Structure formats: C-alpha cells, structure tokens
Amino acid sequence: MNTFHDFIGAAQSLIGEGYTGNGRIVAQGGSAGGLLMGAVVNMAPDLWAGIIADVPFVDVLTTILDDTLPLTPGEWSQWGNPIESQTAFDDIRAYSPYDNVTAQDYPAMLVTAGVSDPRVTYWEPAKWVAKLRITKTDDNILLLKTNMTSGHFGKTGRFAALEDAARSYAFALKAVGKG
C-alpha cells in the first residue's frame, strides 16, 4: 500500500507546490505499473485528468489465486500466497484494481491489452474496463485498445513504439483539454 500512497502523495506535492492543479495530471504505467494506475485511480480519482494503463495487471487477486497459471507460483514470493495466507489475501484484496472499482467519477482512461500476452492475459484489462463502464458515474472517455497481434511489450517493428507513444501523448493532451 505504501507504493500507492506514495504515488498519490507525489501528485499532491506537485499540486501543493503549484506545478499543476487537481485533476490536471495524466499518469501512465504498464504491467505492474498498470496495477499502480488502477489502484491510484480507485483511491484518488479526482487527482487525475487521465490514466494510461498499458497491459495492466488489474485482476490481481483472481490471478494470484490461480495456481494453474504458469507465472503465479513464482510470483507468490513477491505478492504473497493468498491461497495459504489470509493476510496475503486481505492485503491483495485491499488494492486489487478490479476488486476495488466503486460507483464514483473516474478520469478519462486509456487501457491497452495484447491478445498474445503471457504475463497479463488480455481478459484482465477487458474485464476491468467492462466493470468500470457499468460502475463509474461519469461520462469521461474510457478506451480499451486490444492489440490482436502483440504480447506484453506491444507490436514489433521499427515504428511501433512511436505509434504507441503518439497514441499516449494524443490521449494525454485530450485528457487535459489540449487536444
């Protein structure tokens, strides 16, 4: 939880120092950084103009409870084993983005997934976006971009990273009212 509180605290410090304003920050993170985006948007949605969550690990509890997934047992040393530990279960449940979606206003969001992603299965971001769409109380844009030919690190090719960066920058500009 310290990571999430520290990230929110950093945003509040930027606002407090006058570098930006409440609801004027666009935050971006991928994979476990996407988990960070999901947790902080649930905890402090009013701080952000936009959230970009790239292949976000957002259905943490369900994934970490599934010991048939090839990466799960190896992750227990980092995340805790919620199958054997009630404390680990409660800790993960407290921040798991999917499990903590509530009826509140959320900022504009861009969420990406890759069909061939072995680390964060494409249905995690899709399931999260679906829950957000039926639960959130605002009309802010909520986009899901699923790349049908890529995995965890996006498309391959000389200009693929530039396309992804351009999409993120265009979304960020639009989220802060500059696009």
N, C-alpha and C. Protein backbone atom coordinates (compact mmCIF):
# COMPACT_ATOMS: atom_id res chain seq x y z
N MET A 1 0.82 -1.20 0.00
CA MET A 1 0.00 0.00 0.00
C MET A 1 0.86 1.27 0.00
N ASN A 2 2.10 1.15 0.53
CA ASN A 2 2.97 2.32 0.55
C ASN A 2 3.20 2.89 -0.84
N THR A 3 3.37 2.01 -1.82
CA THR A 3 3.59 2.47 -3.20
C THR A 3 2.45 3.35 -3.67
N PHE A 4 1.23 2.90 -3.42
CA PHE A 4 0.06 3.65 -3.89
C PHE A 4 -0.06 4.98 -3.16
N HIS A 5 0.12 4.95 -1.85
CA HIS A 5 0.03 6.18 -1.06
C HIS A 5 1.17 7.15 -1.43
N ASP A 6 2.36 6.61 -1.70
CA ASP A 6 3.48 7.46 -2.10
C ASP A 6 3.23 8.12 -3.46
N PHE A 7 2.66 7.37 -4.40
CA PHE A 7 2.37 7.93 -5.72
C PHE A 7 1.34 9.05 -5.61
N ILE A 8 0.30 8.80 -4.85
CA ILE A 8 -0.72 9.83 -4.61
C ILE A 8 -0.09 11.03 -3.91
N GLY A 9 0.77 10.76 -2.93
CA GLY A 9 1.45 11.84 -2.22
C GLY A 9 2.33 12.67 -3.14
N ALA A 10 3.00 12.03 -4.09
CA ALA A 10 3.83 12.77 -5.05
C ALA A 10 2.96 13.69 -5.90
N ALA A 11 1.81 13.18 -6.34
CA ALA A 11 0.88 14.01 -7.13
C ALA A 11 0.38 15.19 -6.30
N GLN A 12 0.03 14.94 -5.05
CA GLN A 12 -0.44 16.01 -4.17
C GLN A 12 0.66 17.04 -3.91
N SER A 13 1.90 16.59 -3.84
CA SER A 13 3.02 17.52 -3.66
C SER A 13 3.20 18.41 -4.89
N LEU A 14 3.07 17.82 -6.08
CA LEU A 14 3.16 18.62 -7.31
C LEU A 14 2.07 19.69 -7.34
N ILE A 15 0.89 19.31 -6.89
CA ILE A 15 -0.23 20.27 -6.83
C ILE A 15 0.05 21.32 -5.77
N GLY A 16 0.49 20.89 -4.60
CA GLY A 16 0.77 21.80 -3.50
C GLY A 16 1.86 22.80 -3.80
N GLU A 17 2.84 22.39 -4.60
CA GLU A 17 3.94 23.28 -4.98
C GLU A 17 3.59 24.17 -6.17
N GLY A 18 2.40 24.00 -6.72
CA GLY A 18 1.95 24.86 -7.81
C GLY A 18 2.40 24.44 -9.20
N TYR A 19 2.97 23.25 -9.34
CA TYR A 19 3.40 22.79 -10.66
C TYR A 19 2.23 22.39 -11.55
N THR A 20 1.15 22.00 -10.92
CA THR A 20 -0.05 21.57 -11.65
C THR A 20 -1.26 21.79 -10.75
N GLY A 21 -2.39 21.36 -11.20
CA GLY A 21 -3.60 21.51 -10.40
C GLY A 21 -4.31 20.18 -10.22
N ASN A 22 -5.22 20.17 -9.29
CA ASN A 22 -6.03 18.98 -9.06
C ASN A 22 -6.79 18.63 -10.34
N GLY A 23 -6.72 17.36 -10.76
CA GLY A 23 -7.38 16.94 -11.98
C GLY A 23 -6.66 17.35 -13.25
N ARG A 24 -5.38 17.67 -13.15
CA ARG A 24 -4.60 18.13 -14.32
C ARG A 24 -3.41 17.21 -14.62
N ILE A 25 -3.32 16.09 -13.94
CA ILE A 25 -2.19 15.17 -14.12
C ILE A 25 -2.64 13.96 -14.92
N VAL A 26 -1.80 13.54 -15.87
CA VAL A 26 -2.02 12.29 -16.58
C VAL A 26 -0.91 11.35 -16.14
N ALA A 27 -1.31 10.19 -15.63
CA ALA A 27 -0.35 9.20 -15.14
C ALA A 27 -0.37 7.99 -16.06
N GLN A 28 0.79 7.36 -16.23
CA GLN A 28 0.90 6.20 -17.11
C GLN A 28 1.76 5.14 -16.47
N GLY A 29 1.34 3.88 -16.60
CA GLY A 29 2.12 2.75 -16.13
C GLY A 29 1.70 1.49 -16.84
N GLY A 30 2.64 0.56 -16.96
CA GLY A 30 2.35 -0.68 -17.65
C GLY A 30 2.69 -1.89 -16.82
N SER A 31 1.93 -2.95 -17.01
CA SER A 31 2.08 -4.21 -16.31
C SER A 31 1.87 -4.00 -14.81
N ALA A 32 2.89 -4.20 -13.98
CA ALA A 32 2.73 -3.88 -12.56
C ALA A 32 2.54 -2.39 -12.36
N GLY A 33 3.10 -1.58 -13.26
CA GLY A 33 2.83 -0.14 -13.23
C GLY A 33 1.39 0.17 -13.60
N GLY A 34 0.77 -0.71 -14.38
CA GLY A 34 -0.65 -0.60 -14.66
C GLY A 34 -1.48 -0.93 -13.44
N LEU A 35 -0.98 -1.85 -12.62
CA LEU A 35 -1.60 -2.11 -11.32
C LEU A 35 -1.57 -0.83 -10.49
N LEU A 36 -0.44 -0.15 -10.48
CA LEU A 36 -0.32 1.12 -9.78
C LEU A 36 -1.37 2.11 -10.29
N MET A 37 -1.53 2.21 -11.61
CA MET A 37 -2.53 3.12 -12.17
C MET A 37 -3.93 2.75 -11.70
N GLY A 38 -4.25 1.47 -11.72
CA GLY A 38 -5.57 1.01 -11.30
C GLY A 38 -5.85 1.28 -9.84
N ALA A 39 -4.84 1.07 -9.01
CA ALA A 39 -5.03 1.30 -7.57
C ALA A 39 -5.20 2.79 -7.27
N VAL A 40 -4.35 3.64 -7.85
CA VAL A 40 -4.43 5.07 -7.52
C VAL A 40 -5.67 5.73 -8.11
N VAL A 41 -6.16 5.22 -9.24
CA VAL A 41 -7.37 5.82 -9.80
C VAL A 41 -8.59 5.44 -8.96
N ASN A 42 -8.56 4.27 -8.35
CA ASN A 42 -9.64 3.90 -7.42
C ASN A 42 -9.55 4.72 -6.13
N MET A 43 -8.35 4.95 -5.65
CA MET A 43 -8.15 5.60 -4.35
C MET A 43 -8.31 7.12 -4.42
N ALA A 44 -7.89 7.73 -5.52
CA ALA A 44 -7.90 9.20 -5.62
C ALA A 44 -8.23 9.63 -7.05
N PRO A 45 -9.42 9.32 -7.54
CA PRO A 45 -9.73 9.60 -8.94
C PRO A 45 -9.73 11.08 -9.29
N ASP A 46 -9.97 11.94 -8.33
CA ASP A 46 -10.05 13.37 -8.60
C ASP A 46 -8.69 14.01 -8.89
N LEU A 47 -7.59 13.33 -8.57
CA LEU A 47 -6.27 13.91 -8.83
C LEU A 47 -5.90 13.92 -10.31
N TRP A 48 -6.50 13.01 -11.08
CA TRP A 48 -6.01 12.74 -12.42
C TRP A 48 -6.93 13.32 -13.50
N ALA A 49 -6.32 13.89 -14.53
CA ALA A 49 -7.06 14.25 -15.74
C ALA A 49 -7.23 13.00 -16.59
N GLY A 50 -6.23 12.14 -16.54
CA GLY A 50 -6.26 10.91 -17.32
C GLY A 50 -5.34 9.86 -16.74
N ILE A 51 -5.66 8.63 -17.06
CA ILE A 51 -4.85 7.48 -16.68
C ILE A 51 -4.61 6.65 -17.93
N ILE A 52 -3.35 6.29 -18.15
CA ILE A 52 -2.98 5.39 -19.24
C ILE A 52 -2.44 4.13 -18.58
N ALA A 53 -3.17 3.04 -18.75
CA ALA A 53 -2.79 1.76 -18.14
C ALA A 53 -2.46 0.78 -19.26
N ASP A 54 -1.18 0.55 -19.47
CA ASP A 54 -0.72 -0.34 -20.53
C ASP A 54 -0.58 -1.76 -19.98
N VAL A 55 -1.22 -2.69 -20.64
CA VAL A 55 -1.28 -4.10 -20.22
C VAL A 55 -1.30 -4.21 -18.68
N PRO A 56 -2.29 -3.60 -18.05
CA PRO A 56 -2.27 -3.51 -16.59
C PRO A 56 -2.64 -4.82 -15.90
N PHE A 57 -1.89 -5.13 -14.88
CA PHE A 57 -2.14 -6.29 -14.01
C PHE A 57 -3.19 -5.84 -12.99
N VAL A 58 -4.46 -5.92 -13.36
CA VAL A 58 -5.52 -5.32 -12.56
C VAL A 58 -6.46 -6.30 -11.87
N ASP A 59 -6.45 -7.56 -12.28
CA ASP A 59 -7.28 -8.56 -11.61
C ASP A 59 -6.36 -9.42 -10.75
N VAL A 60 -5.66 -8.76 -9.86
CA VAL A 60 -4.56 -9.36 -9.11
C VAL A 60 -5.02 -10.56 -8.29
N LEU A 61 -6.07 -10.39 -7.54
CA LEU A 61 -6.49 -11.45 -6.63
C LEU A 61 -6.88 -12.71 -7.40
N THR A 62 -7.67 -12.58 -8.44
CA THR A 62 -8.07 -13.75 -9.22
C THR A 62 -6.85 -14.45 -9.82
N THR A 63 -5.92 -13.68 -10.36
CA THR A 63 -4.73 -14.26 -10.98
C THR A 63 -3.85 -14.96 -9.95
N ILE A 64 -3.59 -14.31 -8.84
CA ILE A 64 -2.69 -14.88 -7.83
C ILE A 64 -3.34 -16.07 -7.11
N LEU A 65 -4.65 -16.18 -7.18
CA LEU A 65 -5.33 -17.34 -6.60
C LEU A 65 -5.32 -18.56 -7.54
N ASP A 66 -4.96 -18.35 -8.80
CA ASP A 66 -5.00 -19.43 -9.79
C ASP A 66 -3.61 -20.06 -9.93
N ASP A 67 -3.37 -21.12 -9.20
CA ASP A 67 -2.06 -21.75 -9.24
C ASP A 67 -1.81 -22.56 -10.51
N THR A 68 -2.78 -22.63 -11.41
CA THR A 68 -2.57 -23.32 -12.69
C THR A 68 -1.94 -22.40 -13.73
N LEU A 69 -1.94 -21.09 -13.47
CA LEU A 69 -1.28 -20.17 -14.40
C LEU A 69 0.23 -20.32 -14.22
N PRO A 70 0.97 -20.37 -15.31
CA PRO A 70 2.41 -20.67 -15.21
C PRO A 70 3.23 -19.66 -14.41
N LEU A 71 2.84 -18.41 -14.40
CA LEU A 71 3.63 -17.41 -13.69
C LEU A 71 3.24 -17.24 -12.22
N THR A 72 2.06 -17.72 -11.84
CA THR A 72 1.54 -17.45 -10.50
C THR A 72 2.42 -17.99 -9.37
N PRO A 73 2.76 -19.29 -9.33
CA PRO A 73 3.54 -19.77 -8.18
C PRO A 73 4.86 -19.01 -7.98
N GLY A 74 5.49 -18.62 -9.06
CA GLY A 74 6.73 -17.86 -8.94
C GLY A 74 6.53 -16.46 -8.41
N GLU A 75 5.33 -15.93 -8.52
CA GLU A 75 5.03 -14.58 -8.05
C GLU A 75 4.70 -14.53 -6.56
N TRP A 76 4.39 -15.65 -5.94
CA TRP A 76 3.99 -15.65 -4.54
C TRP A 76 5.07 -15.08 -3.63
N SER A 77 6.34 -15.25 -3.99
CA SER A 77 7.40 -14.69 -3.14
C SER A 77 7.35 -13.16 -3.12
N GLN A 78 6.84 -12.56 -4.19
CA GLN A 78 6.75 -11.11 -4.28
C GLN A 78 5.42 -10.59 -3.73
N TRP A 79 4.32 -11.23 -4.11
CA TRP A 79 2.98 -10.72 -3.81
C TRP A 79 2.38 -11.34 -2.55
N GLY A 80 2.86 -12.51 -2.17
CA GLY A 80 2.25 -13.29 -1.10
C GLY A 80 1.36 -14.36 -1.70
N ASN A 81 1.12 -15.43 -0.95
CA ASN A 81 0.30 -16.53 -1.43
C ASN A 81 -1.06 -16.48 -0.75
N PRO A 82 -2.07 -15.93 -1.44
CA PRO A 82 -3.39 -15.79 -0.84
C PRO A 82 -4.12 -17.12 -0.65
N ILE A 83 -3.61 -18.17 -1.24
CA ILE A 83 -4.22 -19.49 -1.04
C ILE A 83 -3.90 -19.99 0.37
N GLU A 84 -2.69 -19.72 0.83
CA GLU A 84 -2.25 -20.23 2.13
C GLU A 84 -2.28 -19.18 3.24
N SER A 85 -2.37 -17.92 2.88
CA SER A 85 -2.28 -16.86 3.89
C SER A 85 -3.48 -15.91 3.80
N GLN A 86 -4.24 -15.84 4.86
CA GLN A 86 -5.37 -14.91 4.91
C GLN A 86 -4.87 -13.46 4.86
N THR A 87 -3.71 -13.21 5.48
CA THR A 87 -3.13 -11.87 5.45
C THR A 87 -2.80 -11.46 4.02
N ALA A 88 -2.17 -12.36 3.26
CA ALA A 88 -1.85 -12.05 1.86
C ALA A 88 -3.14 -11.83 1.07
N PHE A 89 -4.15 -12.64 1.29
CA PHE A 89 -5.43 -12.48 0.62
C PHE A 89 -6.00 -11.09 0.91
N ASP A 90 -6.05 -10.72 2.19
CA ASP A 90 -6.61 -9.43 2.58
C ASP A 90 -5.81 -8.26 2.02
N ASP A 91 -4.48 -8.40 2.05
CA ASP A 91 -3.62 -7.33 1.52
C ASP A 91 -3.85 -7.12 0.03
N ILE A 92 -3.88 -8.21 -0.74
CA ILE A 92 -4.08 -8.11 -2.18
C ILE A 92 -5.47 -7.58 -2.48
N ARG A 93 -6.45 -8.07 -1.77
CA ARG A 93 -7.84 -7.63 -1.96
C ARG A 93 -7.98 -6.13 -1.71
N ALA A 94 -7.18 -5.60 -0.81
CA ALA A 94 -7.29 -4.18 -0.45
C ALA A 94 -6.86 -3.25 -1.58
N TYR A 95 -5.99 -3.72 -2.49
CA TYR A 95 -5.53 -2.83 -3.56
C TYR A 95 -5.85 -3.33 -4.96
N SER A 96 -6.29 -4.55 -5.12
CA SER A 96 -6.58 -5.10 -6.46
C SER A 96 -7.54 -4.18 -7.21
N PRO A 97 -7.09 -3.57 -8.31
CA PRO A 97 -7.93 -2.59 -9.00
C PRO A 97 -9.32 -3.11 -9.38
N TYR A 98 -9.40 -4.31 -9.92
CA TYR A 98 -10.69 -4.84 -10.31
C TYR A 98 -11.62 -4.96 -9.11
N ASP A 99 -11.11 -5.45 -8.02
CA ASP A 99 -11.92 -5.68 -6.83
C ASP A 99 -12.31 -4.41 -6.10
N ASN A 100 -11.71 -3.29 -6.45
CA ASN A 100 -11.97 -2.04 -5.74
C ASN A 100 -12.62 -0.97 -6.61
N VAL A 101 -13.14 -1.34 -7.76
CA VAL A 101 -13.91 -0.39 -8.58
C VAL A 101 -15.18 -0.04 -7.78
N THR A 102 -15.46 1.25 -7.69
CA THR A 102 -16.66 1.70 -6.97
C THR A 102 -17.45 2.68 -7.82
N ALA A 103 -18.67 2.92 -7.42
CA ALA A 103 -19.52 3.89 -8.11
C ALA A 103 -19.03 5.29 -7.74
N GLN A 104 -18.19 5.85 -8.58
CA GLN A 104 -17.63 7.19 -8.40
C GLN A 104 -17.22 7.71 -9.76
N ASP A 105 -16.90 8.99 -9.82
CA ASP A 105 -16.38 9.56 -11.06
C ASP A 105 -14.94 9.13 -11.22
N TYR A 106 -14.59 8.74 -12.43
CA TYR A 106 -13.22 8.38 -12.79
C TYR A 106 -12.75 9.34 -13.87
N PRO A 107 -11.45 9.57 -13.99
CA PRO A 107 -10.95 10.42 -15.06
C PRO A 107 -11.01 9.68 -16.40
N ALA A 108 -10.66 10.37 -17.46
CA ALA A 108 -10.51 9.73 -18.76
C ALA A 108 -9.45 8.64 -18.64
N MET A 109 -9.68 7.53 -19.32
CA MET A 109 -8.74 6.42 -19.21
C MET A 109 -8.51 5.76 -20.56
N LEU A 110 -7.25 5.39 -20.80
CA LEU A 110 -6.84 4.60 -21.95
C LEU A 110 -6.18 3.34 -21.41
N VAL A 111 -6.75 2.20 -21.77
CA VAL A 111 -6.27 0.91 -21.27
C VAL A 111 -5.89 0.07 -22.48
N THR A 112 -4.73 -0.57 -22.42
CA THR A 112 -4.29 -1.42 -23.53
C THR A 112 -4.14 -2.86 -23.08
N ALA A 113 -4.22 -3.75 -24.06
CA ALA A 113 -4.04 -5.18 -23.83
C ALA A 113 -3.42 -5.78 -25.08
N GLY A 114 -2.82 -6.94 -24.93
CA GLY A 114 -2.28 -7.68 -26.06
C GLY A 114 -2.81 -9.10 -26.03
N VAL A 115 -3.38 -9.55 -27.12
CA VAL A 115 -4.00 -10.87 -27.17
C VAL A 115 -3.00 -11.98 -26.85
N SER A 116 -1.76 -11.81 -27.27
CA SER A 116 -0.75 -12.86 -27.07
C SER A 116 0.13 -12.61 -25.85
N ASP A 117 -0.36 -11.87 -24.88
CA ASP A 117 0.43 -11.52 -23.70
C ASP A 117 0.41 -12.67 -22.70
N PRO A 118 1.55 -13.30 -22.43
CA PRO A 118 1.59 -14.39 -21.45
C PRO A 118 1.71 -13.90 -20.01
N ARG A 119 2.04 -12.63 -19.82
CA ARG A 119 2.24 -12.10 -18.47
C ARG A 119 0.94 -11.54 -17.88
N VAL A 120 0.27 -10.70 -18.65
CA VAL A 120 -1.03 -10.16 -18.26
C VAL A 120 -2.01 -10.56 -19.35
N THR A 121 -2.82 -11.54 -19.04
CA THR A 121 -3.75 -12.04 -20.05
C THR A 121 -4.71 -10.94 -20.48
N TYR A 122 -5.05 -10.94 -21.76
CA TYR A 122 -5.85 -9.84 -22.33
C TYR A 122 -7.18 -9.64 -21.62
N TRP A 123 -7.70 -10.69 -21.01
CA TRP A 123 -9.02 -10.54 -20.38
C TRP A 123 -8.97 -9.75 -19.08
N GLU A 124 -7.80 -9.60 -18.47
CA GLU A 124 -7.72 -8.78 -17.26
C GLU A 124 -8.09 -7.33 -17.54
N PRO A 125 -7.40 -6.65 -18.48
CA PRO A 125 -7.81 -5.27 -18.78
C PRO A 125 -9.24 -5.20 -19.32
N ALA A 126 -9.65 -6.18 -20.14
CA ALA A 126 -11.01 -6.16 -20.70
C ALA A 126 -12.06 -6.28 -19.60
N LYS A 127 -11.82 -7.17 -18.67
CA LYS A 127 -12.75 -7.37 -17.55
C LYS A 127 -12.82 -6.12 -16.68
N TRP A 128 -11.68 -5.50 -16.44
CA TRP A 128 -11.62 -4.27 -15.63
C TRP A 128 -12.38 -3.13 -16.31
N VAL A 129 -12.13 -2.96 -17.61
CA VAL A 129 -12.82 -1.90 -18.36
C VAL A 129 -14.33 -2.14 -18.35
N ALA A 130 -14.75 -3.37 -18.53
CA ALA A 130 -16.18 -3.68 -18.51
C ALA A 130 -16.80 -3.32 -17.16
N LYS A 131 -16.11 -3.65 -16.08
CA LYS A 131 -16.62 -3.33 -14.75
C LYS A 131 -16.65 -1.82 -14.54
N LEU A 132 -15.61 -1.12 -14.97
CA LEU A 132 -15.59 0.33 -14.87
C LEU A 132 -16.76 0.95 -15.64
N ARG A 133 -16.99 0.45 -16.84
CA ARG A 133 -18.05 1.02 -17.68
C ARG A 133 -19.43 0.91 -17.04
N ILE A 134 -19.69 -0.19 -16.35
CA ILE A 134 -21.02 -0.34 -15.75
C ILE A 134 -21.12 0.26 -14.35
N THR A 135 -19.98 0.61 -13.75
CA THR A 135 -19.98 1.08 -12.37
C THR A 135 -19.73 2.57 -12.23
N LYS A 136 -18.85 3.14 -13.06
CA LYS A 136 -18.47 4.54 -12.89
C LYS A 136 -19.66 5.46 -13.10
N THR A 137 -19.59 6.65 -12.51
CA THR A 137 -20.73 7.56 -12.50
C THR A 137 -20.54 8.78 -13.39
N ASP A 138 -19.50 8.80 -14.20
CA ASP A 138 -19.20 9.95 -15.05
C ASP A 138 -19.38 9.60 -16.52
N ASP A 139 -19.17 10.59 -17.37
CA ASP A 139 -19.22 10.39 -18.82
C ASP A 139 -17.84 10.52 -19.46
N ASN A 140 -16.79 10.46 -18.66
CA ASN A 140 -15.44 10.57 -19.21
C ASN A 140 -15.12 9.37 -20.09
N ILE A 141 -14.30 9.62 -21.08
CA ILE A 141 -13.95 8.58 -22.04
C ILE A 141 -13.19 7.45 -21.34
N LEU A 142 -13.50 6.23 -21.75
CA LEU A 142 -12.82 5.03 -21.24
C LEU A 142 -12.57 4.14 -22.45
N LEU A 143 -11.31 4.12 -22.89
CA LEU A 143 -10.93 3.41 -24.10
C LEU A 143 -10.20 2.12 -23.77
N LEU A 144 -10.49 1.07 -24.51
CA LEU A 144 -9.74 -0.18 -24.43
C LEU A 144 -9.19 -0.47 -25.82
N LYS A 145 -7.87 -0.53 -25.92
CA LYS A 145 -7.20 -0.87 -27.18
C LYS A 145 -6.55 -2.22 -27.00
N THR A 146 -7.08 -3.21 -27.69
CA THR A 146 -6.51 -4.55 -27.63
C THR A 146 -5.77 -4.82 -28.93
N ASN A 147 -4.48 -5.03 -28.81
CA ASN A 147 -3.67 -5.33 -29.99
C ASN A 147 -3.82 -6.83 -30.27
N MET A 148 -4.34 -7.12 -31.44
CA MET A 148 -4.65 -8.51 -31.78
C MET A 148 -3.45 -9.31 -32.26
N THR A 149 -2.29 -8.65 -32.39
CA THR A 149 -1.11 -9.37 -32.89
C THR A 149 0.10 -9.20 -31.99
N SER A 150 -0.10 -8.72 -30.76
CA SER A 150 1.07 -8.49 -29.92
C SER A 150 0.91 -9.13 -28.55
N GLY A 151 2.00 -9.07 -27.82
CA GLY A 151 2.02 -9.59 -26.47
C GLY A 151 2.26 -8.48 -25.47
N HIS A 152 3.05 -8.77 -24.46
CA HIS A 152 3.24 -7.89 -23.32
C HIS A 152 3.95 -6.58 -23.69
N PHE A 153 4.82 -6.63 -24.66
CA PHE A 153 5.64 -5.46 -24.97
C PHE A 153 5.17 -4.73 -26.22
N GLY A 154 3.97 -4.99 -26.67
CA GLY A 154 3.41 -4.27 -27.81
C GLY A 154 3.86 -4.83 -29.14
N LYS A 155 3.50 -4.10 -30.18
CA LYS A 155 3.83 -4.53 -31.53
C LYS A 155 5.33 -4.46 -31.77
N THR A 156 5.78 -5.28 -32.71
CA THR A 156 7.17 -5.21 -33.12
C THR A 156 7.26 -4.38 -34.39
N GLY A 157 8.43 -3.95 -34.68
CA GLY A 157 8.63 -3.16 -35.88
C GLY A 157 9.28 -1.84 -35.56
N ARG A 158 9.86 -1.28 -36.58
CA ARG A 158 10.67 -0.08 -36.44
C ARG A 158 9.91 1.10 -35.84
N PHE A 159 8.65 1.30 -36.22
CA PHE A 159 7.92 2.47 -35.79
C PHE A 159 6.82 2.17 -34.78
N ALA A 160 6.71 0.93 -34.35
CA ALA A 160 5.61 0.53 -33.45
C ALA A 160 5.65 1.30 -32.13
N ALA A 161 6.81 1.45 -31.56
CA ALA A 161 6.92 2.18 -30.28
C ALA A 161 6.52 3.65 -30.46
N LEU A 162 6.86 4.21 -31.62
CA LEU A 162 6.48 5.59 -31.89
C LEU A 162 4.96 5.73 -32.02
N GLU A 163 4.31 4.76 -32.63
CA GLU A 163 2.85 4.77 -32.74
C GLU A 163 2.21 4.72 -31.36
N ASP A 164 2.73 3.84 -30.51
CA ASP A 164 2.19 3.72 -29.15
C ASP A 164 2.40 5.02 -28.36
N ALA A 165 3.59 5.60 -28.49
CA ALA A 165 3.87 6.86 -27.79
C ALA A 165 2.97 7.98 -28.30
N ALA A 166 2.78 8.04 -29.62
CA ALA A 166 1.90 9.07 -30.20
C ALA A 166 0.48 8.92 -29.68
N ARG A 167 0.00 7.69 -29.58
CA ARG A 167 -1.35 7.46 -29.07
C ARG A 167 -1.45 7.93 -27.61
N SER A 168 -0.47 7.59 -26.81
CA SER A 168 -0.48 8.01 -25.41
C SER A 168 -0.42 9.53 -25.27
N TYR A 169 0.45 10.17 -26.05
CA TYR A 169 0.55 11.63 -25.98
C TYR A 169 -0.74 12.30 -26.45
N ALA A 170 -1.34 11.80 -27.52
CA ALA A 170 -2.59 12.36 -28.02
C ALA A 170 -3.69 12.21 -26.96
N PHE A 171 -3.75 11.04 -26.33
CA PHE A 171 -4.74 10.84 -25.27
C PHE A 171 -4.49 11.81 -24.11
N ALA A 172 -3.23 11.94 -23.69
CA ALA A 172 -2.91 12.83 -22.56
C ALA A 172 -3.29 14.26 -22.87
N LEU A 173 -2.99 14.72 -24.07
CA LEU A 173 -3.36 16.09 -24.46
C LEU A 173 -4.86 16.28 -24.45
N LYS A 174 -5.57 15.30 -24.96
CA LYS A 174 -7.04 15.37 -24.96
C LYS A 174 -7.58 15.37 -23.53
N ALA A 175 -6.99 14.56 -22.66
CA ALA A 175 -7.46 14.46 -21.27
C ALA A 175 -7.31 15.78 -20.51
N VAL A 176 -6.28 16.55 -20.84
CA VAL A 176 -6.08 17.83 -20.15
C VAL A 176 -6.69 19.00 -20.94
N GLY A 177 -7.45 18.66 -21.97
CA GLY A 177 -8.17 19.70 -22.72
C GLY A 177 -7.35 20.43 -23.76
N LYS A 178 -6.28 19.82 -24.21
CA LYS A 178 -5.41 20.46 -25.20
C LYS A 178 -5.47 19.79 -26.56
N GLY A 179 -6.37 18.83 -26.73
CA GLY A 179 -6.38 18.09 -27.99
C GLY A 179 -7.67 18.22 -28.73
